[in-house]
Amino acid sequence: MINYVVCPECGYKLFKLGDGSNAEILCPKCKLKLQIEIKDSKIIIQKVLSDKA
């Protein structure tokens, strides 16, 4: 199954992924860095904290 993934902050459609996918992306609209995983038809989206100290 193919799933469309949108940014949880701004709603921008990022891309489509299939089951078992794992990706890290920077949203081109709001610049939020996201870690996206699709496992057993569940979509997990996590914000990635920047490494700035």
PDB file of N, CA and C in Angstrom:
ATOM      1  N   MET A   1       0.841  -1.168   0.000  1.00  0.00           N
ATOM      2  CA  MET A   1       0.000   0.000   0.000  1.00  0.00           C
ATOM      3  C   MET A   1       0.896   1.244   0.000  1.00  0.00           C
ATOM      4  N   ILE A   2       0.502   2.259  -0.747  1.00  0.00           N
ATOM      5  CA  ILE A   2       1.229   3.518  -0.825  1.00  0.00           C
ATOM      6  C   ILE A   2       0.521   4.553   0.061  1.00  0.00           C
ATOM      7  N   ASN A   3       1.297   5.269   0.870  1.00  0.00           N
ATOM      8  CA  ASN A   3       0.769   6.289   1.777  1.00  0.00           C
ATOM      9  C   ASN A   3       1.352   7.651   1.422  1.00  0.00           C
ATOM     10  N   TYR A   4       0.511   8.666   1.406  1.00  0.00           N
ATOM     11  CA  TYR A   4       0.977  10.034   1.228  1.00  0.00           C
ATOM     12  C   TYR A   4       1.332  10.593   2.598  1.00  0.00           C
ATOM     13  N   VAL A   5       2.495  11.219   2.700  1.00  0.00           N
ATOM     14  CA  VAL A   5       2.969  11.769   3.964  1.00  0.00           C
ATOM     15  C   VAL A   5       2.947  13.289   3.865  1.00  0.00           C
ATOM     16  N   VAL A   6       2.312  13.941   4.855  1.00  0.00           N
ATOM     17  CA  VAL A   6       2.268  15.398   4.894  1.00  0.00           C
ATOM     18  C   VAL A   6       2.957  15.889   6.164  1.00  0.00           C
ATOM     19  N   CYS A   7       3.488  17.091   6.104  1.00  0.00           N
ATOM     20  CA  CYS A   7       4.144  17.701   7.254  1.00  0.00           C
ATOM     21  C   CYS A   7       3.090  17.973   8.343  1.00  0.00           C
ATOM     22  N   PRO A   8       3.339  17.538   9.587  1.00  0.00           N
ATOM     23  CA  PRO A   8       2.370  17.774  10.658  1.00  0.00           C
ATOM     24  C   PRO A   8       2.273  19.242  11.077  1.00  0.00           C
ATOM     25  N   GLU A   9       3.255  20.054  10.729  1.00  0.00           N
ATOM     26  CA  GLU A   9       3.245  21.477  11.101  1.00  0.00           C
ATOM     27  C   GLU A   9       2.473  22.335  10.101  1.00  0.00           C
ATOM     28  N   CYS A  10       2.784  22.175   8.811  1.00  0.00           N
ATOM     29  CA  CYS A  10       2.208  23.084   7.808  1.00  0.00           C
ATOM     30  C   CYS A  10       1.263  22.402   6.815  1.00  0.00           C
ATOM     31  N   GLY A  11       1.232  21.059   6.805  1.00  0.00           N
ATOM     32  CA  GLY A  11       0.326  20.345   5.917  1.00  0.00           C
ATOM     33  C   GLY A  11       0.842  20.149   4.499  1.00  0.00           C
ATOM     34  N   TYR A  12       2.091  20.513   4.239  1.00  0.00           N
ATOM     35  CA  TYR A  12       2.683  20.371   2.908  1.00  0.00           C
ATOM     36  C   TYR A  12       2.828  18.887   2.566  1.00  0.00           C
ATOM     37  N   LYS A  13       2.378  18.487   1.368  1.00  0.00           N
ATOM     38  CA  LYS A  13       2.504  17.092   0.943  1.00  0.00           C
ATOM     39  C   LYS A  13       3.960  16.828   0.584  1.00  0.00           C
ATOM     40  N   LEU A  14       4.621  15.947   1.335  1.00  0.00           N
ATOM     41  CA  LEU A  14       6.040  15.701   1.175  1.00  0.00           C
ATOM     42  C   LEU A  14       6.326  14.674   0.086  1.00  0.00           C
ATOM     43  N   PHE A  15       5.768  13.484   0.197  1.00  0.00           N
ATOM     44  CA  PHE A  15       5.992  12.421  -0.785  1.00  0.00           C
ATOM     45  C   PHE A  15       5.087  11.251  -0.466  1.00  0.00           C
ATOM     46  N   LYS A  16       5.194  10.186  -1.248  1.00  0.00           N
ATOM     47  CA  LYS A  16       4.462   8.966  -0.947  1.00  0.00           C
ATOM     48  C   LYS A  16       5.449   7.836  -0.700  1.00  0.00           C
ATOM     49  N   LEU A  17       5.116   7.004   0.296  1.00  0.00           N
ATOM     50  CA  LEU A  17       5.984   5.902   0.708  1.00  0.00           C
ATOM     51  C   LEU A  17       5.162   4.635   0.857  1.00  0.00           C
ATOM     52  N   GLY A  18       5.833   3.504   0.703  1.00  0.00           N
ATOM     53  CA  GLY A  18       5.196   2.211   0.901  1.00  0.00           C
ATOM     54  C   GLY A  18       5.560   1.623   2.250  1.00  0.00           C
ATOM     55  N   ASP A  19       4.922   0.506   2.585  1.00  0.00           N
ATOM     56  CA  ASP A  19       5.155  -0.172   3.853  1.00  0.00           C
ATOM     57  C   ASP A  19       6.625  -0.599   3.954  1.00  0.00           C
ATOM     58  N   GLY A  20       7.212  -0.429   5.133  1.00  0.00           N
ATOM     59  CA  GLY A  20       8.610  -0.774   5.352  1.00  0.00           C
ATOM     60  C   GLY A  20       9.572   0.360   5.045  1.00  0.00           C
ATOM     61  N   SER A  21       9.059   1.517   4.690  1.00  0.00           N
ATOM     62  CA  SER A  21       9.911   2.660   4.346  1.00  0.00           C
ATOM     63  C   SER A  21      10.392   3.381   5.598  1.00  0.00           C
ATOM     64  N   ASN A  22      11.546   4.033   5.448  1.00  0.00           N
ATOM     65  CA  ASN A  22      12.134   4.818   6.521  1.00  0.00           C
ATOM     66  C   ASN A  22      12.859   5.986   5.853  1.00  0.00           C
ATOM     67  N   ALA A  23      12.523   7.221   6.233  1.00  0.00           N
ATOM     68  CA  ALA A  23      13.122   8.382   5.573  1.00  0.00           C
ATOM     69  C   ALA A  23      13.280   9.528   6.565  1.00  0.00           C
ATOM     70  N   GLU A  24      14.260  10.384   6.287  1.00  0.00           N
ATOM     71  CA  GLU A  24      14.445  11.624   7.028  1.00  0.00           C
ATOM     72  C   GLU A  24      14.388  12.739   6.002  1.00  0.00           C
ATOM     73  N   ILE A  25      13.595  13.785   6.270  1.00  0.00           N
ATOM     74  CA  ILE A  25      13.396  14.845   5.289  1.00  0.00           C
ATOM     75  C   ILE A  25      13.259  16.193   5.985  1.00  0.00           C
ATOM     76  N   LEU A  26      13.662  17.223   5.266  1.00  0.00           N
ATOM     77  CA  LEU A  26      13.485  18.598   5.707  1.00  0.00           C
ATOM     78  C   LEU A  26      12.323  19.170   4.900  1.00  0.00           C
ATOM     79  N   CYS A  27      11.258  19.577   5.570  1.00  0.00           N
ATOM     80  CA  CYS A  27      10.091  20.122   4.873  1.00  0.00           C
ATOM     81  C   CYS A  27      10.516  21.390   4.133  1.00  0.00           C
ATOM     82  N   PRO A  28      10.289  21.458   2.820  1.00  0.00           N
ATOM     83  CA  PRO A  28      10.714  22.633   2.061  1.00  0.00           C
ATOM     84  C   PRO A  28       9.900  23.891   2.373  1.00  0.00           C
ATOM     85  N   LYS A  29       8.719  23.730   2.964  1.00  0.00           N
ATOM     86  CA  LYS A  29       7.867  24.887   3.253  1.00  0.00           C
ATOM     87  C   LYS A  29       8.175  25.513   4.623  1.00  0.00           C
ATOM     88  N   CYS A  30       8.201  24.690   5.688  1.00  0.00           N
ATOM     89  CA  CYS A  30       8.390  25.240   7.038  1.00  0.00           C
ATOM     90  C   CYS A  30       9.761  24.912   7.645  1.00  0.00           C
ATOM     91  N   LYS A  31      10.599  24.139   6.928  1.00  0.00           N
ATOM     92  CA  LYS A  31      11.971  23.805   7.336  1.00  0.00           C
ATOM     93  C   LYS A  31      12.048  22.922   8.579  1.00  0.00           C
ATOM     94  N   LEU A  32      10.990  22.185   8.872  1.00  0.00           N
ATOM     95  CA  LEU A  32      10.997  21.249   9.988  1.00  0.00           C
ATOM     96  C   LEU A  32      11.642  19.942   9.536  1.00  0.00           C
ATOM     97  N   LYS A  33      12.560  19.408  10.340  1.00  0.00           N
ATOM     98  CA  LYS A  33      13.231  18.152  10.008  1.00  0.00           C
ATOM     99  C   LYS A  33      12.434  17.005  10.614  1.00  0.00           C
ATOM    100  N   LEU A  34      12.087  16.013   9.785  1.00  0.00           N
ATOM    101  CA  LEU A  34      11.229  14.920  10.211  1.00  0.00           C
ATOM    102  C   LEU A  34      11.856  13.564   9.942  1.00  0.00           C
ATOM    103  N   GLN A  35      11.604  12.617  10.832  1.00  0.00           N
ATOM    104  CA  GLN A  35      11.955  11.208  10.644  1.00  0.00           C
ATOM    105  C   GLN A  35      10.634  10.479  10.427  1.00  0.00           C
ATOM    106  N   ILE A  36      10.496   9.783   9.303  1.00  0.00           N
ATOM    107  CA  ILE A  36       9.248   9.132   8.941  1.00  0.00           C
ATOM    108  C   ILE A  36       9.499   7.645   8.750  1.00  0.00           C
ATOM    109  N   GLU A  37       8.649   6.823   9.376  1.00  0.00           N
ATOM    110  CA  GLU A  37       8.759   5.374   9.239  1.00  0.00           C
ATOM    111  C   GLU A  37       7.368   4.802   9.030  1.00  0.00           C
ATOM    112  N   ILE A  38       7.261   3.878   8.071  1.00  0.00           N
ATOM    113  CA  ILE A  38       6.003   3.172   7.847  1.00  0.00           C
ATOM    114  C   ILE A  38       6.269   1.702   8.110  1.00  0.00           C
ATOM    115  N   LYS A  39       5.568   1.167   9.108  1.00  0.00           N
ATOM    116  CA  LYS A  39       5.794  -0.211   9.542  1.00  0.00           C
ATOM    117  C   LYS A  39       4.445  -0.845   9.853  1.00  0.00           C
ATOM    118  N   ASP A  40       4.152  -1.949   9.228  1.00  0.00           N
ATOM    119  CA  ASP A  40       2.880  -2.658   9.426  1.00  0.00           C
ATOM    120  C   ASP A  40       1.684  -1.726   9.221  1.00  0.00           C
ATOM    121  N   SER A  41       1.748  -0.909   8.173  1.00  0.00           N
ATOM    122  CA  SER A  41       0.702   0.049   7.789  1.00  0.00           C
ATOM    123  C   SER A  41       0.477   1.155   8.824  1.00  0.00           C
ATOM    124  N   LYS A  42       1.413   1.357   9.750  1.00  0.00           N
ATOM    125  CA  LYS A  42       1.341   2.453  10.714  1.00  0.00           C
ATOM    126  C   LYS A  42       2.380   3.495  10.319  1.00  0.00           C
ATOM    127  N   ILE A  43       1.967   4.751  10.261  1.00  0.00           N
ATOM    128  CA  ILE A  43       2.865   5.845   9.904  1.00  0.00           C
ATOM    129  C   ILE A  43       3.327   6.528  11.190  1.00  0.00           C
ATOM    130  N   ILE A  44       4.648   6.573  11.384  1.00  0.00           N
ATOM    131  CA  ILE A  44       5.239   7.212  12.562  1.00  0.00           C
ATOM    132  C   ILE A  44       6.052   8.406  12.084  1.00  0.00           C
ATOM    133  N   ILE A  45       5.660   9.607  12.533  1.00  0.00           N
ATOM    134  CA  ILE A  45       6.365  10.837  12.159  1.00  0.00           C
ATOM    135  C   ILE A  45       6.903  11.469  13.432  1.00  0.00           C
ATOM    136  N   GLN A  46       8.223  11.692  13.469  1.00  0.00           N
ATOM    137  CA  GLN A  46       8.862  12.300  14.631  1.00  0.00           C
ATOM    138  C   GLN A  46       9.655  13.524  14.196  1.00  0.00           C
ATOM    139  N   LYS A  47       9.594  14.571  15.008  1.00  0.00           N
ATOM    140  CA  LYS A  47      10.417  15.748  14.762  1.00  0.00           C
ATOM    141  C   LYS A  47      11.849  15.427  15.180  1.00  0.00           C
ATOM    142  N   VAL A  48      12.815  15.837  14.364  1.00  0.00           N
ATOM    143  CA  VAL A  48      14.225  15.631  14.676  1.00  0.00           C
ATOM    144  C   VAL A  48      14.764  16.918  15.266  1.00  0.00           C
ATOM    145  N   LEU A  49      15.311  16.832  16.462  1.00  0.00           N
ATOM    146  CA  LEU A  49      15.874  18.016  17.116  1.00  0.00           C
ATOM    147  C   LEU A  49      17.184  18.391  16.430  1.00  0.00           C
ATOM    148  N   SER A  50      17.404  19.672  16.265  1.00  0.00           N
ATOM    149  CA  SER A  50      18.648  20.110  15.630  1.00  0.00           C
ATOM    150  C   SER A  50      19.808  19.920  16.584  1.00  0.00           C
ATOM    151  N   ASP A  51      21.000  19.793  16.011  1.00  0.00           N
ATOM    152  CA  ASP A  51      22.206  19.550  16.806  1.00  0.00           C
ATOM    153  C   ASP A  51      22.897  20.849  17.245  1.00  0.00           C
ATOM    154  N   LYS A  52      22.214  21.961  17.143  1.00  0.00           N
ATOM    155  CA  LYS A  52      22.818  23.241  17.529  1.00  0.00           C
ATOM    156  C   LYS A  52      22.975  23.307  19.038  1.00  0.00           C
ATOM    157  N   ALA A  53      24.142  23.747  19.494  1.00  0.00           N
ATOM    158  CA  ALA A  53      24.393  23.830  20.930  1.00  0.00           C
ATOM    159  C   ALA A  53      24.552  25.267  21.370  1.00  0.00           C
TER     160      ALA A  53
END
